[in-house]
Amino acid sequence: MTTIMSEFRMRLHFLLLLLFSCVSPSSTTPYSFESHVVGLVACRPHQIQAFTEFKNEFDTRGCNHSDYSNGVSCDKSTGAVTVLRLRACLSGTLRPNSSLFGFHQLHYLTL
């Protein structure tokens, strides 16, 4: 059973990565980080999962769902989320055990 779940999770991560790689970065982004990739293209699967968990902790009806993953930047070499710019689209309360605190290499946050 564990092998089936592990294979399922790996396929899910691949599909998420494929899905988010189809989203092109916004050309109007005011910040440019040479060692980062905007969008979830360069993110490691566990970082994509953590981002998904984080956004699911909130009401996202105010978000532009075709664009808001462009506010995520990951380090090219580590695949870790380093920037989250979600442009005030989330509403709700940040919990003390939020998955946000799992982004240990996060350097920039705008909610």
N, C-alpha and C. Protein backbone atom coordinates (compact mmCIF):
# COMPACT_ATOMS: atom_id res chain seq x y z
N MET A 1 0.82 -1.20 0.00
CA MET A 1 0.00 0.00 0.00
C MET A 1 0.87 1.26 0.00
N THR A 2 1.99 1.21 0.76
CA THR A 2 2.87 2.37 0.83
C THR A 2 3.48 2.66 -0.53
N THR A 3 3.84 1.62 -1.26
CA THR A 3 4.42 1.80 -2.59
C THR A 3 3.42 2.43 -3.54
N ILE A 4 2.18 2.02 -3.47
CA ILE A 4 1.14 2.59 -4.32
C ILE A 4 0.95 4.06 -4.00
N MET A 5 0.90 4.41 -2.71
CA MET A 5 0.74 5.81 -2.31
C MET A 5 1.95 6.63 -2.73
N SER A 6 3.15 6.05 -2.57
CA SER A 6 4.37 6.75 -2.96
C SER A 6 4.37 7.02 -4.47
N GLU A 7 3.98 6.03 -5.25
CA GLU A 7 3.92 6.21 -6.70
C GLU A 7 2.85 7.24 -7.07
N PHE A 8 1.71 7.19 -6.39
CA PHE A 8 0.64 8.16 -6.63
C PHE A 8 1.12 9.57 -6.33
N ARG A 9 1.80 9.76 -5.20
CA ARG A 9 2.29 11.09 -4.83
C ARG A 9 3.31 11.60 -5.85
N MET A 10 4.18 10.70 -6.31
CA MET A 10 5.18 11.10 -7.29
C MET A 10 4.50 11.55 -8.59
N ARG A 11 3.50 10.81 -9.02
CA ARG A 11 2.77 11.18 -10.23
C ARG A 11 2.03 12.50 -10.04
N LEU A 12 1.45 12.68 -8.85
CA LEU A 12 0.75 13.93 -8.56
C LEU A 12 1.71 15.11 -8.61
N HIS A 13 2.88 14.96 -8.02
CA HIS A 13 3.88 16.03 -8.05
C HIS A 13 4.29 16.35 -9.48
N PHE A 14 4.49 15.31 -10.28
CA PHE A 14 4.87 15.53 -11.67
C PHE A 14 3.77 16.28 -12.41
N LEU A 15 2.52 15.88 -12.20
CA LEU A 15 1.41 16.56 -12.86
C LEU A 15 1.30 18.01 -12.43
N LEU A 16 1.49 18.27 -11.13
CA LEU A 16 1.46 19.66 -10.65
C LEU A 16 2.59 20.46 -11.28
N LEU A 17 3.77 19.88 -11.32
CA LEU A 17 4.90 20.57 -11.93
C LEU A 17 4.63 20.86 -13.40
N LEU A 18 4.08 19.89 -14.09
CA LEU A 18 3.74 20.08 -15.50
C LEU A 18 2.69 21.17 -15.66
N LEU A 19 1.68 21.14 -14.81
CA LEU A 19 0.62 22.15 -14.86
C LEU A 19 1.18 23.54 -14.64
N PHE A 20 1.99 23.70 -13.60
CA PHE A 20 2.50 25.02 -13.29
C PHE A 20 3.59 25.47 -14.26
N SER A 21 4.22 24.55 -14.97
CA SER A 21 5.22 24.96 -15.95
C SER A 21 4.57 25.58 -17.18
N CYS A 22 3.27 25.35 -17.34
CA CYS A 22 2.54 25.94 -18.47
C CYS A 22 2.19 27.40 -18.21
N VAL A 23 2.32 27.85 -16.98
CA VAL A 23 1.99 29.23 -16.62
C VAL A 23 3.22 30.07 -16.87
N SER A 24 3.12 31.05 -17.75
CA SER A 24 4.27 31.88 -18.06
C SER A 24 4.44 32.98 -17.02
N PRO A 25 5.68 33.33 -16.70
CA PRO A 25 5.93 34.38 -15.72
C PRO A 25 5.38 35.72 -16.20
N SER A 26 4.97 36.53 -15.27
CA SER A 26 4.44 37.85 -15.60
C SER A 26 5.58 38.77 -16.01
N SER A 27 5.41 39.46 -17.11
CA SER A 27 6.46 40.37 -17.57
C SER A 27 6.43 41.69 -16.83
N THR A 28 5.42 41.90 -16.01
CA THR A 28 5.32 43.16 -15.28
C THR A 28 5.81 43.03 -13.84
N THR A 29 6.44 41.92 -13.49
CA THR A 29 6.93 41.72 -12.14
C THR A 29 8.00 42.76 -11.84
N PRO A 30 7.83 43.56 -10.77
CA PRO A 30 8.77 44.62 -10.48
C PRO A 30 10.09 44.13 -9.90
N TYR A 31 10.18 42.89 -9.47
CA TYR A 31 11.38 42.38 -8.84
C TYR A 31 12.03 41.36 -9.75
N SER A 32 13.33 41.42 -9.86
CA SER A 32 14.04 40.47 -10.69
C SER A 32 15.16 39.86 -9.87
N PHE A 33 15.14 38.56 -9.73
CA PHE A 33 16.17 37.85 -9.00
C PHE A 33 16.83 36.90 -9.99
N GLU A 34 18.10 37.14 -10.29
CA GLU A 34 18.79 36.38 -11.32
C GLU A 34 18.86 34.89 -11.00
N SER A 35 18.98 34.55 -9.72
CA SER A 35 19.13 33.14 -9.37
C SER A 35 17.80 32.46 -9.09
N HIS A 36 16.70 33.11 -9.44
CA HIS A 36 15.38 32.56 -9.16
C HIS A 36 14.56 32.42 -10.44
N VAL A 37 13.61 31.51 -10.38
CA VAL A 37 12.68 31.32 -11.49
C VAL A 37 11.30 31.65 -10.97
N VAL A 38 10.58 32.51 -11.68
CA VAL A 38 9.23 32.90 -11.26
C VAL A 38 8.26 31.82 -11.72
N GLY A 39 7.29 31.53 -10.88
CA GLY A 39 6.37 30.43 -11.13
C GLY A 39 6.90 29.19 -10.44
N LEU A 40 6.19 28.10 -10.56
CA LEU A 40 6.58 26.89 -9.84
C LEU A 40 7.45 25.95 -10.66
N VAL A 41 7.98 26.43 -11.79
CA VAL A 41 8.74 25.57 -12.68
C VAL A 41 9.97 24.98 -11.99
N ALA A 42 10.73 25.78 -11.26
CA ALA A 42 11.98 25.31 -10.65
C ALA A 42 11.79 24.79 -9.24
N CYS A 43 10.57 24.76 -8.75
CA CYS A 43 10.33 24.34 -7.37
C CYS A 43 10.37 22.82 -7.24
N ARG A 44 10.90 22.38 -6.13
CA ARG A 44 10.89 20.94 -5.82
C ARG A 44 9.46 20.51 -5.52
N PRO A 45 9.15 19.24 -5.77
CA PRO A 45 7.77 18.76 -5.55
C PRO A 45 7.24 19.01 -4.14
N HIS A 46 8.08 18.83 -3.11
CA HIS A 46 7.58 19.07 -1.75
C HIS A 46 7.30 20.55 -1.51
N GLN A 47 7.99 21.44 -2.23
CA GLN A 47 7.72 22.86 -2.11
C GLN A 47 6.41 23.22 -2.81
N ILE A 48 6.13 22.57 -3.94
CA ILE A 48 4.85 22.78 -4.63
C ILE A 48 3.71 22.30 -3.74
N GLN A 49 3.92 21.15 -3.11
CA GLN A 49 2.89 20.63 -2.21
C GLN A 49 2.67 21.58 -1.03
N ALA A 50 3.76 22.11 -0.47
CA ALA A 50 3.64 23.05 0.65
C ALA A 50 2.91 24.32 0.22
N PHE A 51 3.19 24.82 -0.99
CA PHE A 51 2.49 26.00 -1.50
C PHE A 51 1.00 25.72 -1.66
N THR A 52 0.69 24.54 -2.20
CA THR A 52 -0.72 24.15 -2.37
C THR A 52 -1.42 24.08 -1.02
N GLU A 53 -0.76 23.48 -0.03
CA GLU A 53 -1.33 23.40 1.32
C GLU A 53 -1.53 24.80 1.90
N PHE A 54 -0.55 25.68 1.69
CA PHE A 54 -0.64 27.04 2.22
C PHE A 54 -1.82 27.78 1.63
N LYS A 55 -1.95 27.76 0.31
CA LYS A 55 -3.06 28.50 -0.30
C LYS A 55 -4.41 27.90 0.06
N ASN A 56 -4.45 26.58 0.34
CA ASN A 56 -5.70 25.94 0.74
C ASN A 56 -6.12 26.27 2.17
N GLU A 57 -5.23 26.90 2.93
CA GLU A 57 -5.55 27.31 4.29
C GLU A 57 -6.42 28.58 4.30
N PHE A 58 -6.58 29.20 3.15
CA PHE A 58 -7.27 30.48 3.06
C PHE A 58 -8.38 30.46 2.03
N ASP A 59 -9.22 31.47 2.11
CA ASP A 59 -10.23 31.71 1.09
C ASP A 59 -9.51 32.38 -0.08
N THR A 60 -9.55 31.78 -1.25
CA THR A 60 -8.82 32.31 -2.40
C THR A 60 -9.74 32.88 -3.47
N ARG A 61 -10.97 33.19 -3.10
CA ARG A 61 -11.90 33.73 -4.11
C ARG A 61 -11.43 35.06 -4.67
N GLY A 62 -10.60 35.81 -3.94
CA GLY A 62 -10.11 37.09 -4.43
C GLY A 62 -8.89 36.97 -5.32
N CYS A 63 -8.42 35.75 -5.55
CA CYS A 63 -7.20 35.54 -6.34
C CYS A 63 -7.51 35.37 -7.82
N ASN A 64 -6.60 35.83 -8.63
CA ASN A 64 -6.64 35.54 -10.06
C ASN A 64 -5.95 34.19 -10.22
N HIS A 65 -6.71 33.12 -10.30
CA HIS A 65 -6.14 31.78 -10.29
C HIS A 65 -5.29 31.47 -11.52
N SER A 66 -5.41 32.23 -12.56
CA SER A 66 -4.56 31.98 -13.73
C SER A 66 -3.22 32.67 -13.58
N ASP A 67 -3.06 33.50 -12.55
CA ASP A 67 -1.85 34.30 -12.43
C ASP A 67 -1.12 34.14 -11.10
N TYR A 68 -1.79 33.72 -10.02
CA TYR A 68 -1.16 33.90 -8.72
C TYR A 68 0.00 32.97 -8.44
N SER A 69 0.21 31.90 -9.18
CA SER A 69 1.42 31.11 -8.98
C SER A 69 2.64 31.84 -9.55
N ASN A 70 2.42 32.88 -10.35
CA ASN A 70 3.53 33.70 -10.84
C ASN A 70 4.18 34.48 -9.72
N GLY A 71 3.50 34.60 -8.59
CA GLY A 71 4.06 35.28 -7.43
C GLY A 71 4.98 34.40 -6.61
N VAL A 72 5.21 33.19 -7.07
CA VAL A 72 6.08 32.26 -6.37
C VAL A 72 7.40 32.18 -7.13
N SER A 73 8.50 32.36 -6.41
CA SER A 73 9.82 32.21 -7.01
C SER A 73 10.61 31.17 -6.23
N CYS A 74 11.33 30.35 -6.96
CA CYS A 74 12.15 29.31 -6.34
C CYS A 74 13.59 29.48 -6.77
N ASP A 75 14.48 29.12 -5.88
CA ASP A 75 15.90 29.16 -6.16
C ASP A 75 16.21 28.10 -7.22
N LYS A 76 16.98 28.47 -8.24
CA LYS A 76 17.30 27.54 -9.33
C LYS A 76 18.09 26.33 -8.85
N SER A 77 18.99 26.53 -7.91
CA SER A 77 19.85 25.42 -7.50
C SER A 77 19.23 24.53 -6.43
N THR A 78 18.46 25.11 -5.50
CA THR A 78 17.90 24.30 -4.42
C THR A 78 16.45 23.90 -4.66
N GLY A 79 15.74 24.64 -5.50
CA GLY A 79 14.32 24.36 -5.74
C GLY A 79 13.42 24.80 -4.61
N ALA A 80 13.98 25.55 -3.66
CA ALA A 80 13.21 26.01 -2.50
C ALA A 80 12.48 27.31 -2.81
N VAL A 81 11.29 27.45 -2.26
CA VAL A 81 10.53 28.69 -2.41
C VAL A 81 11.26 29.79 -1.64
N THR A 82 11.57 30.88 -2.32
CA THR A 82 12.27 32.00 -1.69
C THR A 82 11.46 33.28 -1.72
N VAL A 83 10.46 33.36 -2.60
CA VAL A 83 9.65 34.57 -2.74
C VAL A 83 8.18 34.16 -2.88
N LEU A 84 7.31 34.81 -2.11
CA LEU A 84 5.85 34.66 -2.26
C LEU A 84 5.26 36.05 -2.37
N ARG A 85 4.71 36.38 -3.53
CA ARG A 85 4.01 37.65 -3.75
C ARG A 85 2.60 37.30 -4.18
N LEU A 86 1.67 37.28 -3.25
CA LEU A 86 0.31 36.84 -3.56
C LEU A 86 -0.67 38.00 -3.66
N ARG A 87 -0.19 39.22 -3.61
CA ARG A 87 -0.94 40.44 -3.93
C ARG A 87 -2.30 40.53 -3.25
N ALA A 88 -2.35 40.29 -1.96
CA ALA A 88 -3.55 40.49 -1.14
C ALA A 88 -4.77 39.72 -1.63
N CYS A 89 -4.56 38.56 -2.22
CA CYS A 89 -5.72 37.81 -2.72
C CYS A 89 -6.23 36.80 -1.70
N LEU A 90 -5.45 36.48 -0.69
CA LEU A 90 -5.87 35.51 0.32
C LEU A 90 -6.61 36.21 1.44
N SER A 91 -7.63 35.56 1.97
CA SER A 91 -8.29 36.12 3.15
C SER A 91 -8.48 35.00 4.17
N GLY A 92 -8.33 35.38 5.42
CA GLY A 92 -8.44 34.41 6.50
C GLY A 92 -7.42 34.72 7.58
N THR A 93 -7.24 33.78 8.47
CA THR A 93 -6.33 33.95 9.60
C THR A 93 -5.12 33.04 9.43
N LEU A 94 -3.95 33.60 9.65
CA LEU A 94 -2.72 32.82 9.59
C LEU A 94 -2.59 32.05 10.89
N ARG A 95 -2.60 30.73 10.80
CA ARG A 95 -2.52 29.88 11.98
C ARG A 95 -1.08 29.70 12.43
N PRO A 96 -0.87 29.43 13.72
CA PRO A 96 0.50 29.23 14.22
C PRO A 96 1.18 28.00 13.60
N ASN A 97 0.40 27.04 13.13
CA ASN A 97 0.98 25.84 12.52
C ASN A 97 0.83 25.86 11.00
N SER A 98 0.75 27.03 10.41
CA SER A 98 0.58 27.18 8.97
C SER A 98 1.74 26.56 8.21
N SER A 99 1.45 26.02 7.05
CA SER A 99 2.51 25.46 6.20
C SER A 99 3.46 26.56 5.70
N LEU A 100 3.09 27.81 5.85
CA LEU A 100 3.98 28.92 5.48
C LEU A 100 5.31 28.80 6.21
N PHE A 101 5.27 28.34 7.44
CA PHE A 101 6.48 28.25 8.25
C PHE A 101 7.39 27.11 7.82
N GLY A 102 6.97 26.33 6.83
CA GLY A 102 7.80 25.28 6.26
C GLY A 102 8.71 25.78 5.15
N PHE A 103 8.53 27.03 4.74
CA PHE A 103 9.39 27.61 3.71
C PHE A 103 10.60 28.23 4.40
N HIS A 104 11.59 27.41 4.70
CA HIS A 104 12.73 27.84 5.50
C HIS A 104 13.66 28.80 4.76
N GLN A 105 13.59 28.84 3.44
CA GLN A 105 14.45 29.72 2.67
C GLN A 105 13.70 30.93 2.11
N LEU A 106 12.52 31.19 2.66
CA LEU A 106 11.71 32.32 2.20
C LEU A 106 12.38 33.63 2.60
N HIS A 107 12.62 34.50 1.61
CA HIS A 107 13.28 35.78 1.85
C HIS A 107 12.35 36.96 1.67
N TYR A 108 11.27 36.77 0.94
CA TYR A 108 10.37 37.88 0.61
C TYR A 108 8.94 37.37 0.65
N LEU A 109 8.08 38.09 1.36
CA LEU A 109 6.69 37.67 1.50
C LEU A 109 5.77 38.88 1.40
N THR A 110 4.81 38.82 0.48
CA THR A 110 3.76 39.82 0.37
C THR A 110 2.44 39.08 0.30
N LEU A 111 1.59 39.36 1.27
CA LEU A 111 0.27 38.74 1.28
C LEU A 111 -0.76 39.82 1.11
